[in-house]
Amino acid sequence: MEWIKCSDKMPTVLPVDDDYSCSGKLLCIVGGDYLILRYQTSDKEGGWEVWYCDEYEDVVENVTHWMPLPEPPKE
């Protein structure tokens, strides 16, 4: 997998309901650190949200790169 620049392409979002769409979990670079985020859109605005144990909170800015998470190991 390769890093994707946000300036080149944003993640694909899928509809959740009539007003809200979001991507799945993504590995992102913010200020040189790694975070697991998702990209969400609502009313034609978009933003990054932090993943916390089955909940999304805290909008994050300055995301520079993203990539899909790798598949988890098989047991």
N, C-alpha and C. Protein backbone atom coordinates (compact mmCIF):
# COMPACT_ATOMS: atom_id res chain seq x y z
N MET A 1 0.84 -1.18 0.00
CA MET A 1 0.00 0.00 0.00
C MET A 1 0.88 1.24 0.00
N GLU A 2 0.37 2.26 -0.60
CA GLU A 2 1.12 3.51 -0.70
C GLU A 2 0.33 4.63 -0.06
N TRP A 3 1.05 5.62 0.48
CA TRP A 3 0.42 6.80 1.04
C TRP A 3 -0.20 7.63 -0.07
N ILE A 4 -1.36 8.20 0.19
CA ILE A 4 -2.06 9.06 -0.77
C ILE A 4 -2.10 10.46 -0.17
N LYS A 5 -1.65 11.44 -0.95
CA LYS A 5 -1.70 12.84 -0.51
C LYS A 5 -3.14 13.32 -0.55
N CYS A 6 -3.56 14.00 0.50
CA CYS A 6 -4.91 14.56 0.54
C CYS A 6 -5.14 15.56 -0.59
N SER A 7 -4.07 16.25 -0.99
CA SER A 7 -4.20 17.21 -2.09
C SER A 7 -4.42 16.51 -3.43
N ASP A 8 -4.07 15.21 -3.52
CA ASP A 8 -4.27 14.45 -4.75
C ASP A 8 -5.62 13.76 -4.80
N LYS A 9 -6.06 13.21 -3.66
CA LYS A 9 -7.30 12.44 -3.63
C LYS A 9 -7.80 12.30 -2.20
N MET A 10 -9.08 12.48 -2.01
CA MET A 10 -9.70 12.25 -0.70
C MET A 10 -10.33 10.86 -0.70
N PRO A 11 -10.54 10.29 0.49
CA PRO A 11 -11.12 8.96 0.56
C PRO A 11 -12.55 8.91 0.02
N THR A 12 -12.94 7.75 -0.44
CA THR A 12 -14.31 7.51 -0.88
C THR A 12 -15.21 7.42 0.36
N VAL A 13 -16.33 8.10 0.30
CA VAL A 13 -17.30 8.03 1.39
C VAL A 13 -18.56 7.32 0.89
N LEU A 14 -19.20 6.59 1.79
CA LEU A 14 -20.43 5.88 1.47
C LEU A 14 -21.57 6.45 2.30
N PRO A 15 -22.77 6.52 1.74
CA PRO A 15 -23.90 7.09 2.48
C PRO A 15 -24.24 6.27 3.71
N VAL A 16 -24.49 6.96 4.81
CA VAL A 16 -24.98 6.34 6.04
C VAL A 16 -26.47 6.63 6.17
N ASP A 17 -26.84 7.87 5.91
CA ASP A 17 -28.25 8.27 5.84
C ASP A 17 -28.35 9.42 4.85
N ASP A 18 -29.48 10.10 4.81
CA ASP A 18 -29.69 11.15 3.81
C ASP A 18 -28.74 12.34 3.95
N ASP A 19 -28.23 12.60 5.15
CA ASP A 19 -27.41 13.78 5.38
C ASP A 19 -25.96 13.48 5.69
N TYR A 20 -25.58 12.22 5.76
CA TYR A 20 -24.27 11.88 6.30
C TYR A 20 -23.64 10.73 5.54
N SER A 21 -22.36 10.87 5.22
CA SER A 21 -21.59 9.82 4.56
C SER A 21 -20.23 9.73 5.22
N CYS A 22 -19.59 8.56 5.18
CA CYS A 22 -18.25 8.45 5.76
C CYS A 22 -17.46 7.32 5.12
N SER A 23 -16.15 7.41 5.29
CA SER A 23 -15.25 6.35 4.84
C SER A 23 -15.12 5.33 5.97
N GLY A 24 -14.42 4.27 5.69
CA GLY A 24 -14.04 3.35 6.75
C GLY A 24 -12.82 3.89 7.49
N LYS A 25 -12.28 3.10 8.39
CA LYS A 25 -11.09 3.51 9.14
C LYS A 25 -9.89 3.60 8.21
N LEU A 26 -9.08 4.64 8.38
CA LEU A 26 -7.90 4.88 7.55
C LEU A 26 -6.72 5.22 8.44
N LEU A 27 -5.53 4.84 8.00
CA LEU A 27 -4.31 5.26 8.66
C LEU A 27 -3.91 6.60 8.06
N CYS A 28 -3.70 7.61 8.92
CA CYS A 28 -3.44 8.97 8.44
C CYS A 28 -2.20 9.55 9.09
N ILE A 29 -1.61 10.54 8.41
CA ILE A 29 -0.48 11.29 8.94
C ILE A 29 -0.96 12.69 9.29
N VAL A 30 -0.75 13.07 10.56
CA VAL A 30 -1.12 14.40 11.05
C VAL A 30 0.08 14.92 11.83
N GLY A 31 0.72 15.96 11.33
CA GLY A 31 1.88 16.53 12.03
C GLY A 31 2.99 15.54 12.26
N GLY A 32 3.19 14.61 11.34
CA GLY A 32 4.25 13.62 11.45
C GLY A 32 3.89 12.40 12.30
N ASP A 33 2.69 12.37 12.89
CA ASP A 33 2.25 11.23 13.69
C ASP A 33 1.21 10.42 12.95
N TYR A 34 1.07 9.16 13.34
CA TYR A 34 0.06 8.28 12.77
C TYR A 34 -1.20 8.32 13.62
N LEU A 35 -2.37 8.41 12.98
CA LEU A 35 -3.65 8.32 13.66
C LEU A 35 -4.59 7.47 12.82
N ILE A 36 -5.50 6.78 13.48
CA ILE A 36 -6.57 6.08 12.77
C ILE A 36 -7.77 7.02 12.76
N LEU A 37 -8.18 7.40 11.56
CA LEU A 37 -9.26 8.37 11.38
C LEU A 37 -10.26 7.83 10.38
N ARG A 38 -11.36 8.53 10.25
CA ARG A 38 -12.24 8.32 9.11
C ARG A 38 -12.58 9.69 8.56
N TYR A 39 -12.93 9.74 7.28
CA TYR A 39 -13.33 10.99 6.66
C TYR A 39 -14.85 10.97 6.55
N GLN A 40 -15.49 12.04 7.02
CA GLN A 40 -16.94 12.10 6.98
C GLN A 40 -17.38 13.36 6.25
N THR A 41 -18.54 13.28 5.64
CA THR A 41 -19.13 14.45 5.00
C THR A 41 -20.57 14.60 5.49
N SER A 42 -20.96 15.84 5.66
CA SER A 42 -22.32 16.15 6.08
C SER A 42 -22.66 17.52 5.53
N ASP A 43 -23.78 17.65 4.87
CA ASP A 43 -24.19 18.93 4.29
C ASP A 43 -23.10 19.55 3.44
N LYS A 44 -22.43 18.70 2.63
CA LYS A 44 -21.40 19.13 1.68
C LYS A 44 -20.14 19.66 2.33
N GLU A 45 -19.93 19.42 3.62
CA GLU A 45 -18.69 19.75 4.28
C GLU A 45 -18.02 18.45 4.68
N GLY A 46 -16.71 18.46 4.72
CA GLY A 46 -16.00 17.25 5.09
C GLY A 46 -15.06 17.49 6.25
N GLY A 47 -14.71 16.42 6.94
CA GLY A 47 -13.77 16.54 8.03
C GLY A 47 -13.26 15.19 8.48
N TRP A 48 -12.15 15.19 9.15
CA TRP A 48 -11.52 13.98 9.67
C TRP A 48 -11.93 13.80 11.13
N GLU A 49 -12.23 12.57 11.53
CA GLU A 49 -12.60 12.26 12.90
C GLU A 49 -11.68 11.18 13.45
N VAL A 50 -11.33 11.29 14.72
CA VAL A 50 -10.44 10.34 15.38
C VAL A 50 -11.22 9.11 15.79
N TRP A 51 -10.63 7.94 15.64
CA TRP A 51 -11.23 6.66 16.03
C TRP A 51 -10.82 6.32 17.46
N TYR A 52 -11.79 6.16 18.36
CA TYR A 52 -11.56 5.77 19.75
C TYR A 52 -12.43 4.57 20.09
N CYS A 53 -11.91 3.39 20.08
CA CYS A 53 -12.64 2.20 20.58
C CYS A 53 -14.11 2.21 20.21
N ASP A 54 -14.41 2.08 18.96
CA ASP A 54 -15.78 2.00 18.44
C ASP A 54 -16.54 3.33 18.45
N GLU A 55 -15.88 4.43 18.69
CA GLU A 55 -16.54 5.74 18.62
C GLU A 55 -15.64 6.72 17.88
N TYR A 56 -16.25 7.66 17.20
CA TYR A 56 -15.49 8.72 16.54
C TYR A 56 -15.73 10.02 17.28
N GLU A 57 -14.66 10.75 17.54
CA GLU A 57 -14.74 12.04 18.23
C GLU A 57 -13.67 12.95 17.65
N ASP A 58 -13.65 14.16 18.14
CA ASP A 58 -12.56 15.10 17.86
C ASP A 58 -12.25 15.25 16.36
N VAL A 59 -12.69 16.33 15.80
CA VAL A 59 -12.34 16.63 14.42
C VAL A 59 -10.87 17.01 14.35
N VAL A 60 -10.17 16.47 13.38
CA VAL A 60 -8.73 16.69 13.22
C VAL A 60 -8.49 17.47 11.93
N GLU A 61 -7.61 18.43 11.99
CA GLU A 61 -7.23 19.18 10.80
C GLU A 61 -5.78 18.87 10.47
N ASN A 62 -5.32 19.35 9.35
CA ASN A 62 -3.93 19.21 8.90
C ASN A 62 -3.53 17.76 8.60
N VAL A 63 -4.48 16.95 8.17
CA VAL A 63 -4.15 15.61 7.70
C VAL A 63 -3.49 15.78 6.33
N THR A 64 -2.30 15.19 6.15
CA THR A 64 -1.58 15.37 4.89
C THR A 64 -1.65 14.15 3.98
N HIS A 65 -1.69 12.93 4.58
CA HIS A 65 -1.68 11.69 3.81
C HIS A 65 -2.60 10.67 4.48
N TRP A 66 -3.06 9.70 3.70
CA TRP A 66 -3.89 8.63 4.24
C TRP A 66 -3.67 7.36 3.41
N MET A 67 -4.05 6.23 3.99
CA MET A 67 -4.05 4.96 3.27
C MET A 67 -5.03 4.02 3.97
N PRO A 68 -5.58 3.04 3.25
CA PRO A 68 -6.44 2.07 3.90
C PRO A 68 -5.64 1.27 4.93
N LEU A 69 -6.31 0.83 5.98
CA LEU A 69 -5.66 -0.04 6.97
C LEU A 69 -5.37 -1.39 6.32
N PRO A 70 -4.28 -2.03 6.70
CA PRO A 70 -4.01 -3.36 6.18
C PRO A 70 -5.01 -4.36 6.77
N GLU A 71 -5.14 -5.50 6.15
CA GLU A 71 -5.99 -6.56 6.67
C GLU A 71 -5.40 -7.05 8.00
N PRO A 72 -6.25 -7.36 8.98
CA PRO A 72 -5.72 -7.89 10.24
C PRO A 72 -5.16 -9.30 10.02
N PRO A 73 -4.27 -9.75 10.89
CA PRO A 73 -3.71 -11.10 10.74
C PRO A 73 -4.80 -12.16 10.89
N LYS A 74 -4.63 -13.23 10.18
CA LYS A 74 -5.56 -14.35 10.30
C LYS A 74 -5.05 -15.29 11.38
N GLU A 75 -5.96 -15.77 12.21
CA GLU A 75 -5.55 -16.66 13.30
C GLU A 75 -5.38 -18.07 12.81
